[in-house]
Amino acid sequence: MASAIEVRDAQRGDAAALVALWRELATGAGHPSRLPAAPSPAAVEVAVSKHLDDPFGRLLVGELDGAVHGMAYLRRTAISPLHDDLTVTVEYLHVSDEARRHGLGKALIAEATAWAEHENCAHVAAVAPPIAREANRFLARLGLAQAGVLRYATTHTVRRRLAAEHAPNLLALLSSRRSVIARRAQLGRPLPADVAHVDVPADVTYPAEPESAGT
């Protein structure tokens, strides 16, 4: 006997099931340490309420025989900042391990496609971890080709890495220009235009001079 499948918008009462699905998603293949920890059921209830009133996003759940075993988040946006065409993007698509191979993933994608058609969106996209082979094969069978790789990091991490990448080059440039200025000063020549005025970011610090400097 075929299992009964239903896809619908998430409700506040689905909070506990959504937390369990998120835990599976966050610890599954391709996601370790990348997704935030599971929120509390109370926080999920608040989030679900917001999604119910959002005309540009939907949080779906998929039921198998009356129990929630799948989820997906749909976003309706322009396909690019330079185009008017709209797309529905499927994010955080997940079906619990025990409910796999029953058609629940297809049912969630089908609902995304139906919403895209209803909203006159010419495209459907889906986000999946690059090393999640089963998920990517599934999406490829449905005609979704890879268009890029989505990468995550905390804002602090990116800022720190940018500083580490940028600072050595900037300090080397400033050091070189200081040498030119010093040589010109010794010879009594005017400074070249490119070093006559150097704007130094406020957060850049110079290394301390050795105690023997100037002696």
C-alpha atoms as a PDB file:
ATOM      1  CA  MET A   1       0.000   0.000   0.000  1.00  0.00           C
ATOM      2  CA  ALA A   2       1.422   3.416  -1.001  1.00  0.00           C
ATOM      3  CA  SER A   3       2.288   5.846   1.757  1.00  0.00           C
ATOM      4  CA  ALA A   4       0.156   8.977   2.071  1.00  0.00           C
ATOM      5  CA  ILE A   5       2.126  12.146   1.235  1.00  0.00           C
ATOM      6  CA  GLU A   6       1.079  15.724   1.944  1.00  0.00           C
ATOM      7  CA  VAL A   7       3.020  18.965   1.470  1.00  0.00           C
ATOM      8  CA  ARG A   8       1.800  22.122   3.207  1.00  0.00           C
ATOM      9  CA  ASP A   9       2.999  25.350   4.767  1.00  0.00           C
ATOM     10  CA  ALA A  10       4.565  24.855   8.186  1.00  0.00           C
ATOM     11  CA  GLN A  11       2.466  25.753  11.217  1.00  0.00           C
ATOM     12  CA  ARG A  12       3.462  26.634  14.778  1.00  0.00           C
ATOM     13  CA  GLY A  13       2.614  23.127  15.900  1.00  0.00           C
ATOM     14  CA  ASP A  14       5.353  21.736  13.625  1.00  0.00           C
ATOM     15  CA  ALA A  15       8.113  23.377  15.690  1.00  0.00           C
ATOM     16  CA  ALA A  16       9.397  20.216  17.412  1.00  0.00           C
ATOM     17  CA  ALA A  17       9.492  18.266  14.141  1.00  0.00           C
ATOM     18  CA  LEU A  18      11.309  21.139  12.390  1.00  0.00           C
ATOM     19  CA  VAL A  19      13.936  21.273  15.146  1.00  0.00           C
ATOM     20  CA  ALA A  20      14.555  17.526  14.724  1.00  0.00           C
ATOM     21  CA  LEU A  21      14.855  17.888  10.938  1.00  0.00           C
ATOM     22  CA  TRP A  22      17.265  20.800  11.323  1.00  0.00           C
ATOM     23  CA  ARG A  23      19.478  18.731  13.640  1.00  0.00           C
ATOM     24  CA  GLU A  24      19.615  15.983  11.000  1.00  0.00           C
ATOM     25  CA  LEU A  25      20.346  18.533   8.281  1.00  0.00           C
ATOM     26  CA  ALA A  26      23.077  20.310  10.243  1.00  0.00           C
ATOM     27  CA  THR A  27      24.946  17.104  11.058  1.00  0.00           C
ATOM     28  CA  GLY A  28      24.446  15.352   7.717  1.00  0.00           C
ATOM     29  CA  ALA A  29      26.878  14.927   4.831  1.00  0.00           C
ATOM     30  CA  GLY A  30      28.207  18.223   3.545  1.00  0.00           C
ATOM     31  CA  HIS A  31      27.009  20.387   6.436  1.00  0.00           C
ATOM     32  CA  PRO A  32      29.053  19.641   9.601  1.00  0.00           C
ATOM     33  CA  SER A  33      29.881  22.828  11.542  1.00  0.00           C
ATOM     34  CA  ARG A  34      28.585  25.002   8.706  1.00  0.00           C
ATOM     35  CA  LEU A  35      24.938  25.465   9.648  1.00  0.00           C
ATOM     36  CA  PRO A  36      23.858  27.135  12.895  1.00  0.00           C
ATOM     37  CA  ALA A  37      22.870  24.931  15.812  1.00  0.00           C
ATOM     38  CA  ALA A  38      19.215  23.965  16.047  1.00  0.00           C
ATOM     39  CA  PRO A  39      17.050  26.724  17.548  1.00  0.00           C
ATOM     40  CA  SER A  40      14.595  26.155  20.370  1.00  0.00           C
ATOM     41  CA  PRO A  41      11.021  25.086  19.569  1.00  0.00           C
ATOM     42  CA  ALA A  42       9.818  28.454  20.901  1.00  0.00           C
ATOM     43  CA  ALA A  43      12.089  30.323  18.482  1.00  0.00           C
ATOM     44  CA  VAL A  44      10.881  28.136  15.616  1.00  0.00           C
ATOM     45  CA  GLU A  45       7.254  28.931  16.443  1.00  0.00           C
ATOM     46  CA  VAL A  46       8.025  32.647  16.099  1.00  0.00           C
ATOM     47  CA  ALA A  47       9.887  32.081  12.816  1.00  0.00           C
ATOM     48  CA  VAL A  48       7.042  29.988  11.388  1.00  0.00           C
ATOM     49  CA  SER A  49       4.565  32.755  12.149  1.00  0.00           C
ATOM     50  CA  LYS A  50       6.707  35.239  10.213  1.00  0.00           C
ATOM     51  CA  HIS A  51       6.938  32.956   7.186  1.00  0.00           C
ATOM     52  CA  LEU A  52       3.156  32.585   7.062  1.00  0.00           C
ATOM     53  CA  ASP A  53       2.905  36.352   6.451  1.00  0.00           C
ATOM     54  CA  ASP A  54       5.785  36.589   3.966  1.00  0.00           C
ATOM     55  CA  PRO A  55       4.641  36.968   0.317  1.00  0.00           C
ATOM     56  CA  PHE A  56       8.168  36.224  -0.938  1.00  0.00           C
ATOM     57  CA  GLY A  57       8.966  33.122   1.097  1.00  0.00           C
ATOM     58  CA  ARG A  58       7.378  29.878   2.237  1.00  0.00           C
ATOM     59  CA  LEU A  59       8.498  27.272   4.764  1.00  0.00           C
ATOM     60  CA  LEU A  60       7.132  23.889   3.715  1.00  0.00           C
ATOM     61  CA  VAL A  61       6.814  20.629   5.576  1.00  0.00           C
ATOM     62  CA  GLY A  62       6.244  17.234   4.019  1.00  0.00           C
ATOM     63  CA  GLU A  63       4.153  14.623   5.793  1.00  0.00           C
ATOM     64  CA  LEU A  64       4.420  10.878   5.319  1.00  0.00           C
ATOM     65  CA  ASP A  65       1.445   8.975   6.744  1.00  0.00           C
ATOM     66  CA  GLY A  66       0.544  11.966   8.914  1.00  0.00           C
ATOM     67  CA  ALA A  67       4.013  12.576  10.424  1.00  0.00           C
ATOM     68  CA  VAL A  68       6.349  15.418   9.403  1.00  0.00           C
ATOM     69  CA  HIS A  69       9.466  13.972   7.758  1.00  0.00           C
ATOM     70  CA  GLY A  70      10.551  16.691   5.325  1.00  0.00           C
ATOM     71  CA  MET A  71      11.104  20.415   5.013  1.00  0.00           C
ATOM     72  CA  ALA A  72      12.074  23.023   2.435  1.00  0.00           C
ATOM     73  CA  TYR A  73      12.329  26.797   2.371  1.00  0.00           C
ATOM     74  CA  LEU A  74      11.216  28.615  -0.794  1.00  0.00           C
ATOM     75  CA  ARG A  75      12.326  32.126  -1.743  1.00  0.00           C
ATOM     76  CA  ARG A  76      10.886  34.166  -4.613  1.00  0.00           C
ATOM     77  CA  THR A  77      13.412  36.679  -5.942  1.00  0.00           C
ATOM     78  CA  ALA A  78      14.757  38.212  -9.153  1.00  0.00           C
ATOM     79  CA  ILE A  79      17.134  35.838 -10.906  1.00  0.00           C
ATOM     80  CA  SER A  80      19.793  38.561 -10.843  1.00  0.00           C
ATOM     81  CA  PRO A  81      20.059  42.262  -9.989  1.00  0.00           C
ATOM     82  CA  LEU A  82      20.088  43.011 -13.730  1.00  0.00           C
ATOM     83  CA  HIS A  83      17.045  40.982 -14.804  1.00  0.00           C
ATOM     84  CA  ASP A  84      13.299  41.177 -14.252  1.00  0.00           C
ATOM     85  CA  ASP A  85      12.840  37.397 -14.486  1.00  0.00           C
ATOM     86  CA  LEU A  86      11.828  35.811 -11.196  1.00  0.00           C
ATOM     87  CA  THR A  87      12.990  32.536  -9.715  1.00  0.00           C
ATOM     88  CA  VAL A  88      11.869  30.317  -6.846  1.00  0.00           C
ATOM     89  CA  THR A  89      14.877  28.998  -4.958  1.00  0.00           C
ATOM     90  CA  VAL A  90      14.551  25.864  -2.819  1.00  0.00           C
ATOM     91  CA  GLU A  91      16.808  25.949   0.244  1.00  0.00           C
ATOM     92  CA  TYR A  92      17.321  23.607   3.197  1.00  0.00           C
ATOM     93  CA  LEU A  93      15.581  20.764   1.403  1.00  0.00           C
ATOM     94  CA  HIS A  94      15.704  17.771   3.726  1.00  0.00           C
ATOM     95  CA  VAL A  95      13.902  14.474   4.170  1.00  0.00           C
ATOM     96  CA  SER A  96      14.512  12.367   7.268  1.00  0.00           C
ATOM     97  CA  ASP A  97      16.542   9.189   6.820  1.00  0.00           C
ATOM     98  CA  GLU A  98      13.604   6.948   7.699  1.00  0.00           C
ATOM     99  CA  ALA A  99      11.344   8.562   5.083  1.00  0.00           C
ATOM    100  CA  ARG A 100      13.714   8.444   2.112  1.00  0.00           C
ATOM    101  CA  ARG A 101      12.696   6.877  -1.217  1.00  0.00           C
ATOM    102  CA  HIS A 102       8.965   7.382  -0.667  1.00  0.00           C
ATOM    103  CA  GLY A 103       8.596  10.401  -2.957  1.00  0.00           C
ATOM    104  CA  LEU A 104       8.623  13.090  -0.282  1.00  0.00           C
ATOM    105  CA  GLY A 105      11.532  15.012  -1.841  1.00  0.00           C
ATOM    106  CA  LYS A 106       9.787  15.011  -5.231  1.00  0.00           C
ATOM    107  CA  ALA A 107       6.599  16.228  -3.600  1.00  0.00           C
ATOM    108  CA  LEU A 108       8.445  19.195  -2.023  1.00  0.00           C
ATOM    109  CA  ILE A 109      10.071  20.115  -5.353  1.00  0.00           C
ATOM    110  CA  ALA A 110       6.686  19.719  -7.072  1.00  0.00           C
ATOM    111  CA  GLU A 111       5.150  22.236  -4.650  1.00  0.00           C
ATOM    112  CA  ALA A 112       8.023  24.647  -5.330  1.00  0.00           C
ATOM    113  CA  THR A 113       7.427  24.278  -9.071  1.00  0.00           C
ATOM    114  CA  ALA A 114       3.685  24.795  -8.680  1.00  0.00           C
ATOM    115  CA  TRP A 115       4.302  27.975  -6.661  1.00  0.00           C
ATOM    116  CA  ALA A 116       6.759  29.202  -9.311  1.00  0.00           C
ATOM    117  CA  GLU A 117       4.124  28.702 -11.998  1.00  0.00           C
ATOM    118  CA  HIS A 118       1.460  30.417  -9.898  1.00  0.00           C
ATOM    119  CA  GLU A 119       3.741  33.420  -9.317  1.00  0.00           C
ATOM    120  CA  ASN A 120       4.856  33.560 -12.988  1.00  0.00           C
ATOM    121  CA  CYS A 121       8.450  32.676 -12.112  1.00  0.00           C
ATOM    122  CA  ALA A 122      10.313  31.412 -15.149  1.00  0.00           C
ATOM    123  CA  HIS A 123      12.949  29.520 -13.183  1.00  0.00           C
ATOM    124  CA  VAL A 124      13.324  27.110 -10.267  1.00  0.00           C
ATOM    125  CA  ALA A 125      16.638  26.750  -8.425  1.00  0.00           C
ATOM    126  CA  ALA A 126      17.787  24.527  -5.564  1.00  0.00           C
ATOM    127  CA  VAL A 127      20.667  24.758  -3.105  1.00  0.00           C
ATOM    128  CA  ALA A 128      22.501  21.561  -2.166  1.00  0.00           C
ATOM    129  CA  PRO A 129      25.914  20.832  -0.598  1.00  0.00           C
ATOM    130  CA  PRO A 130      28.441  20.014  -3.346  1.00  0.00           C
ATOM    131  CA  ILE A 131      29.527  16.764  -1.655  1.00  0.00           C
ATOM    132  CA  ALA A 132      25.971  15.543  -1.021  1.00  0.00           C
ATOM    133  CA  ARG A 133      26.041  13.171  -3.973  1.00  0.00           C
ATOM    134  CA  GLU A 134      22.620  11.624  -3.472  1.00  0.00           C
ATOM    135  CA  ALA A 135      20.899  15.006  -3.201  1.00  0.00           C
ATOM    136  CA  ASN A 136      22.706  16.352  -6.263  1.00  0.00           C
ATOM    137  CA  ARG A 137      21.884  13.264  -8.316  1.00  0.00           C
ATOM    138  CA  PHE A 138      18.243  13.638  -7.295  1.00  0.00           C
ATOM    139  CA  LEU A 139      18.152  17.293  -8.369  1.00  0.00           C
ATOM    140  CA  ALA A 140      20.008  16.545 -11.615  1.00  0.00           C
ATOM    141  CA  ARG A 141      17.406  13.906 -12.533  1.00  0.00           C
ATOM    142  CA  LEU A 142      14.776  16.630 -12.239  1.00  0.00           C
ATOM    143  CA  GLY A 143      16.666  18.840 -14.693  1.00  0.00           C
ATOM    144  CA  LEU A 144      18.420  21.130 -12.202  1.00  0.00           C
ATOM    145  CA  ALA A 145      21.996  21.703 -13.382  1.00  0.00           C
ATOM    146  CA  GLN A 146      24.794  23.095 -11.224  1.00  0.00           C
ATOM    147  CA  ALA A 147      25.182  26.849 -11.580  1.00  0.00           C
ATOM    148  CA  GLY A 148      27.606  27.634  -8.758  1.00  0.00           C
ATOM    149  CA  VAL A 149      28.807  26.813  -5.256  1.00  0.00           C
ATOM    150  CA  LEU A 150      27.365  28.578  -2.219  1.00  0.00           C
ATOM    151  CA  ARG A 151      29.865  29.139   0.584  1.00  0.00           C
ATOM    152  CA  TYR A 152      29.175  30.095   4.211  1.00  0.00           C
ATOM    153  CA  ALA A 153      31.296  31.726   6.905  1.00  0.00           C
ATOM    154  CA  THR A 154      30.700  33.976   9.875  1.00  0.00           C
ATOM    155  CA  THR A 155      31.096  37.705   9.292  1.00  0.00           C
ATOM    156  CA  HIS A 156      33.920  37.750  11.862  1.00  0.00           C
ATOM    157  CA  THR A 157      35.812  35.019  10.006  1.00  0.00           C
ATOM    158  CA  VAL A 158      35.624  36.817   6.665  1.00  0.00           C
ATOM    159  CA  ARG A 159      36.661  40.154   8.204  1.00  0.00           C
ATOM    160  CA  ARG A 160      39.626  38.506   9.955  1.00  0.00           C
ATOM    161  CA  ARG A 161      40.757  36.729   6.781  1.00  0.00           C
ATOM    162  CA  LEU A 162      40.409  39.926   4.752  1.00  0.00           C
ATOM    163  CA  ALA A 163      42.620  41.748   7.253  1.00  0.00           C
ATOM    164  CA  ALA A 164      45.196  38.960   7.166  1.00  0.00           C
ATOM    165  CA  GLU A 165      45.244  38.960   3.346  1.00  0.00           C
ATOM    166  CA  HIS A 166      45.285  42.744   3.010  1.00  0.00           C
ATOM    167  CA  ALA A 167      47.623  43.947   5.758  1.00  0.00           C
ATOM    168  CA  PRO A 168      50.962  42.469   4.568  1.00  0.00           C
ATOM    169  CA  ASN A 169      50.550  43.900   1.057  1.00  0.00           C
ATOM    170  CA  LEU A 170      49.483  47.288   2.359  1.00  0.00           C
ATOM    171  CA  LEU A 171      52.387  47.506   4.819  1.00  0.00           C
ATOM    172  CA  ALA A 172      54.862  46.516   2.112  1.00  0.00           C
ATOM    173  CA  LEU A 173      53.480  49.268  -0.154  1.00  0.00           C
ATOM    174  CA  LEU A 174      53.676  51.886   2.589  1.00  0.00           C
ATOM    175  CA  SER A 175      57.207  50.823   3.487  1.00  0.00           C
ATOM    176  CA  SER A 176      58.298  51.151  -0.148  1.00  0.00           C
ATOM    177  CA  ARG A 177      56.780  54.619  -0.425  1.00  0.00           C
ATOM    178  CA  ARG A 178      58.390  55.751   2.830  1.00  0.00           C
ATOM    179  CA  SER A 179      61.774  54.707   1.396  1.00  0.00           C
ATOM    180  CA  VAL A 180      61.156  56.793  -1.736  1.00  0.00           C
ATOM    181  CA  ILE A 181      60.157  59.788   0.388  1.00  0.00           C
ATOM    182  CA  ALA A 182      63.306  59.447   2.525  1.00  0.00           C
ATOM    183  CA  ARG A 183      65.629  59.223  -0.498  1.00  0.00           C
ATOM    184  CA  ARG A 184      63.997  62.232  -2.161  1.00  0.00           C
ATOM    185  CA  ALA A 185      64.311  64.234   1.048  1.00  0.00           C
ATOM    186  CA  GLN A 186      68.045  63.455   1.291  1.00  0.00           C
ATOM    187  CA  LEU A 187      68.582  64.569  -2.322  1.00  0.00           C
ATOM    188  CA  GLY A 188      66.376  67.628  -1.960  1.00  0.00           C
ATOM    189  CA  ARG A 189      64.134  66.591  -4.835  1.00  0.00           C
ATOM    190  CA  PRO A 190      60.322  67.044  -5.032  1.00  0.00           C
ATOM    191  CA  LEU A 191      58.206  63.975  -4.337  1.00  0.00           C
ATOM    192  CA  PRO A 192      56.549  62.050  -7.198  1.00  0.00           C
ATOM    193  CA  ALA A 193      52.780  62.534  -7.420  1.00  0.00           C
ATOM    194  CA  ASP A 194      52.044  58.925  -6.461  1.00  0.00           C
ATOM    195  CA  VAL A 195      53.824  59.199  -3.111  1.00  0.00           C
ATOM    196  CA  ALA A 196      53.343  62.864  -2.282  1.00  0.00           C
ATOM    197  CA  HIS A 197      50.112  61.994  -0.527  1.00  0.00           C
ATOM    198  CA  VAL A 198      49.398  58.551   0.865  1.00  0.00           C
ATOM    199  CA  ASP A 199      46.064  57.872   2.538  1.00  0.00           C
ATOM    200  CA  VAL A 200      46.552  55.345   5.300  1.00  0.00           C
ATOM    201  CA  PRO A 201      43.483  53.550   6.675  1.00  0.00           C
ATOM    202  CA  ALA A 202      42.812  54.427  10.300  1.00  0.00           C
ATOM    203  CA  ASP A 203      43.047  50.798  11.413  1.00  0.00           C
ATOM    204  CA  VAL A 204      46.550  50.240   9.972  1.00  0.00           C
ATOM    205  CA  THR A 205      49.413  50.313  12.502  1.00  0.00           C
ATOM    206  CA  TYR A 206      53.095  50.461  11.751  1.00  0.00           C
ATOM    207  CA  PRO A 207      55.647  48.122  13.285  1.00  0.00           C
ATOM    208  CA  ALA A 208      57.721  49.710  16.029  1.00  0.00           C
ATOM    209  CA  GLU A 209      61.112  50.967  14.972  1.00  0.00           C
ATOM    210  CA  PRO A 210      64.130  49.209  16.489  1.00  0.00           C
ATOM    211  CA  GLU A 211      65.772  50.939  19.414  1.00  0.00           C
ATOM    212  CA  SER A 212      68.844  51.647  17.255  1.00  0.00           C
ATOM    213  CA  ALA A 213      66.843  53.626  14.701  1.00  0.00           C
ATOM    214  CA  GLY A 214      68.340  57.040  13.990  1.00  0.00           C
ATOM    215  CA  THR A 215      71.609  56.349  15.820  1.00  0.00           C
END
